[in-house]
Amino acid sequence: MNNEIIKELDKILPVVERVHSDVHPELHEVAKLYTALKENPRSETFEKLRTVTSNFTAPDDACPTYKKAYAHLSTLEKDFL
């Protein structure tokens, strides 16, 4: 997996989760699945992540960092496949 993307996700995903999870509680599941992917990348985990994120589509009220996190997750999946 792309180490640069992982480093950036490690920085921004916890912030996105903390700031936006009151309105978007699914971010807790996104964070949990991301952790699982880092430990053991599996297509099943990417499938779950795709479902939880609506195919990596950030909500309308997402900030640029939120959108970037979803874009990075999508890139990780493409790199994995």
C-alpha atoms as a PDB file:
ATOM      1  CA  MET A   1       0.000   0.000   0.000  1.00  0.00           C
ATOM      2  CA  ASN A   2       1.053   3.568  -0.659  1.00  0.00           C
ATOM      3  CA  ASN A   3       3.079   4.727   2.350  1.00  0.00           C
ATOM      4  CA  GLU A   4       2.613   8.443   1.616  1.00  0.00           C
ATOM      5  CA  ILE A   5      -1.160   8.101   1.558  1.00  0.00           C
ATOM      6  CA  ILE A   6      -1.096   6.019   4.737  1.00  0.00           C
ATOM      7  CA  LYS A   7       1.018   8.652   6.513  1.00  0.00           C
ATOM      8  CA  GLU A   8      -1.404  11.379   5.492  1.00  0.00           C
ATOM      9  CA  LEU A   9      -4.480   9.331   6.414  1.00  0.00           C
ATOM     10  CA  ASP A  10      -2.910   8.584   9.784  1.00  0.00           C
ATOM     11  CA  LYS A  11      -2.813  12.347  10.357  1.00  0.00           C
ATOM     12  CA  ILE A  12      -6.117  13.501   8.882  1.00  0.00           C
ATOM     13  CA  LEU A  13      -8.575  10.655   9.449  1.00  0.00           C
ATOM     14  CA  PRO A  14      -8.540  10.931  13.274  1.00  0.00           C
ATOM     15  CA  VAL A  15      -9.164  14.671  12.971  1.00  0.00           C
ATOM     16  CA  VAL A  16     -12.014  14.171  10.506  1.00  0.00           C
ATOM     17  CA  GLU A  17     -13.507  11.521  12.777  1.00  0.00           C
ATOM     18  CA  ARG A  18     -13.239  13.733  15.872  1.00  0.00           C
ATOM     19  CA  VAL A  19     -14.637  16.858  14.205  1.00  0.00           C
ATOM     20  CA  HIS A  20     -17.419  15.325  12.109  1.00  0.00           C
ATOM     21  CA  SER A  21     -18.530  12.122  13.838  1.00  0.00           C
ATOM     22  CA  ASP A  22     -21.331  13.828  15.788  1.00  0.00           C
ATOM     23  CA  VAL A  23     -23.102  14.450  12.485  1.00  0.00           C
ATOM     24  CA  HIS A  24     -21.541  11.502  10.626  1.00  0.00           C
ATOM     25  CA  PRO A  25     -21.231   8.606  13.093  1.00  0.00           C
ATOM     26  CA  GLU A  26     -20.231   6.278  10.253  1.00  0.00           C
ATOM     27  CA  LEU A  27     -16.771   7.824  10.523  1.00  0.00           C
ATOM     28  CA  HIS A  28     -16.152   5.620  13.558  1.00  0.00           C
ATOM     29  CA  GLU A  29     -16.646   2.566  11.338  1.00  0.00           C
ATOM     30  CA  VAL A  30     -14.481   4.121   8.609  1.00  0.00           C
ATOM     31  CA  ALA A  31     -11.661   4.598  11.119  1.00  0.00           C
ATOM     32  CA  LYS A  32     -12.027   1.031  12.395  1.00  0.00           C
ATOM     33  CA  LEU A  33     -11.972  -0.408   8.862  1.00  0.00           C
ATOM     34  CA  TYR A  34      -8.964   1.727   7.934  1.00  0.00           C
ATOM     35  CA  THR A  35      -7.072   0.362  10.935  1.00  0.00           C
ATOM     36  CA  ALA A  36      -7.970  -3.174   9.860  1.00  0.00           C
ATOM     37  CA  LEU A  37      -6.725  -2.446   6.339  1.00  0.00           C
ATOM     38  CA  LYS A  38      -3.363  -1.263   7.593  1.00  0.00           C
ATOM     39  CA  GLU A  39      -2.930  -4.430   9.618  1.00  0.00           C
ATOM     40  CA  ASN A  40      -4.218  -6.846   6.976  1.00  0.00           C
ATOM     41  CA  PRO A  41      -5.335  -5.457   3.589  1.00  0.00           C
ATOM     42  CA  ARG A  42      -8.231  -7.572   2.315  1.00  0.00           C
ATOM     43  CA  SER A  43     -10.745  -7.078  -0.453  1.00  0.00           C
ATOM     44  CA  GLU A  44     -13.595  -7.813   1.988  1.00  0.00           C
ATOM     45  CA  THR A  45     -12.517  -4.903   4.159  1.00  0.00           C
ATOM     46  CA  PHE A  46     -12.404  -2.604   1.154  1.00  0.00           C
ATOM     47  CA  GLU A  47     -15.925  -3.782   0.258  1.00  0.00           C
ATOM     48  CA  LYS A  48     -17.182  -2.865   3.722  1.00  0.00           C
ATOM     49  CA  LEU A  49     -15.398   0.467   3.530  1.00  0.00           C
ATOM     50  CA  ARG A  50     -16.940   1.163   0.129  1.00  0.00           C
ATOM     51  CA  THR A  51     -20.387   0.415   1.552  1.00  0.00           C
ATOM     52  CA  VAL A  52     -19.929   2.578   4.650  1.00  0.00           C
ATOM     53  CA  THR A  53     -18.607   5.513   2.592  1.00  0.00           C
ATOM     54  CA  SER A  54     -21.139   5.193  -0.259  1.00  0.00           C
ATOM     55  CA  ASN A  55     -18.339   4.369  -2.686  1.00  0.00           C
ATOM     56  CA  PHE A  56     -15.993   6.927  -1.131  1.00  0.00           C
ATOM     57  CA  THR A  57     -18.455   9.756  -1.727  1.00  0.00           C
ATOM     58  CA  ALA A  58     -18.087  12.454   0.899  1.00  0.00           C
ATOM     59  CA  PRO A  59     -21.326  14.030   2.138  1.00  0.00           C
ATOM     60  CA  ASP A  60     -22.411  17.440   0.889  1.00  0.00           C
ATOM     61  CA  ASP A  61     -21.322  19.127   4.114  1.00  0.00           C
ATOM     62  CA  ALA A  62     -17.832  17.591   4.066  1.00  0.00           C
ATOM     63  CA  CYS A  63     -14.857  19.879   4.477  1.00  0.00           C
ATOM     64  CA  PRO A  64     -11.890  19.627   2.085  1.00  0.00           C
ATOM     65  CA  THR A  65      -9.973  17.406   4.516  1.00  0.00           C
ATOM     66  CA  TYR A  66     -12.916  15.011   4.817  1.00  0.00           C
ATOM     67  CA  LYS A  67     -13.102  14.822   1.005  1.00  0.00           C
ATOM     68  CA  LYS A  68      -9.352  14.258   0.825  1.00  0.00           C
ATOM     69  CA  ALA A  69      -9.563  11.376   3.313  1.00  0.00           C
ATOM     70  CA  TYR A  70     -12.212   9.632   1.202  1.00  0.00           C
ATOM     71  CA  ALA A  71     -10.196  10.247  -1.977  1.00  0.00           C
ATOM     72  CA  HIS A  72      -7.130   8.711  -0.328  1.00  0.00           C
ATOM     73  CA  LEU A  73      -9.126   5.675   0.796  1.00  0.00           C
ATOM     74  CA  SER A  74     -10.358   5.243  -2.769  1.00  0.00           C
ATOM     75  CA  THR A  75      -6.785   5.450  -4.065  1.00  0.00           C
ATOM     76  CA  LEU A  76      -5.672   2.805  -1.574  1.00  0.00           C
ATOM     77  CA  GLU A  77      -8.359   0.494  -2.893  1.00  0.00           C
ATOM     78  CA  LYS A  78      -7.350   1.091  -6.515  1.00  0.00           C
ATOM     79  CA  ASP A  79      -3.709   0.448  -5.654  1.00  0.00           C
ATOM     80  CA  PHE A  80      -4.691  -2.753  -3.832  1.00  0.00           C
ATOM     81  CA  LEU A  81      -6.724  -4.113  -6.720  1.00  0.00           C
END
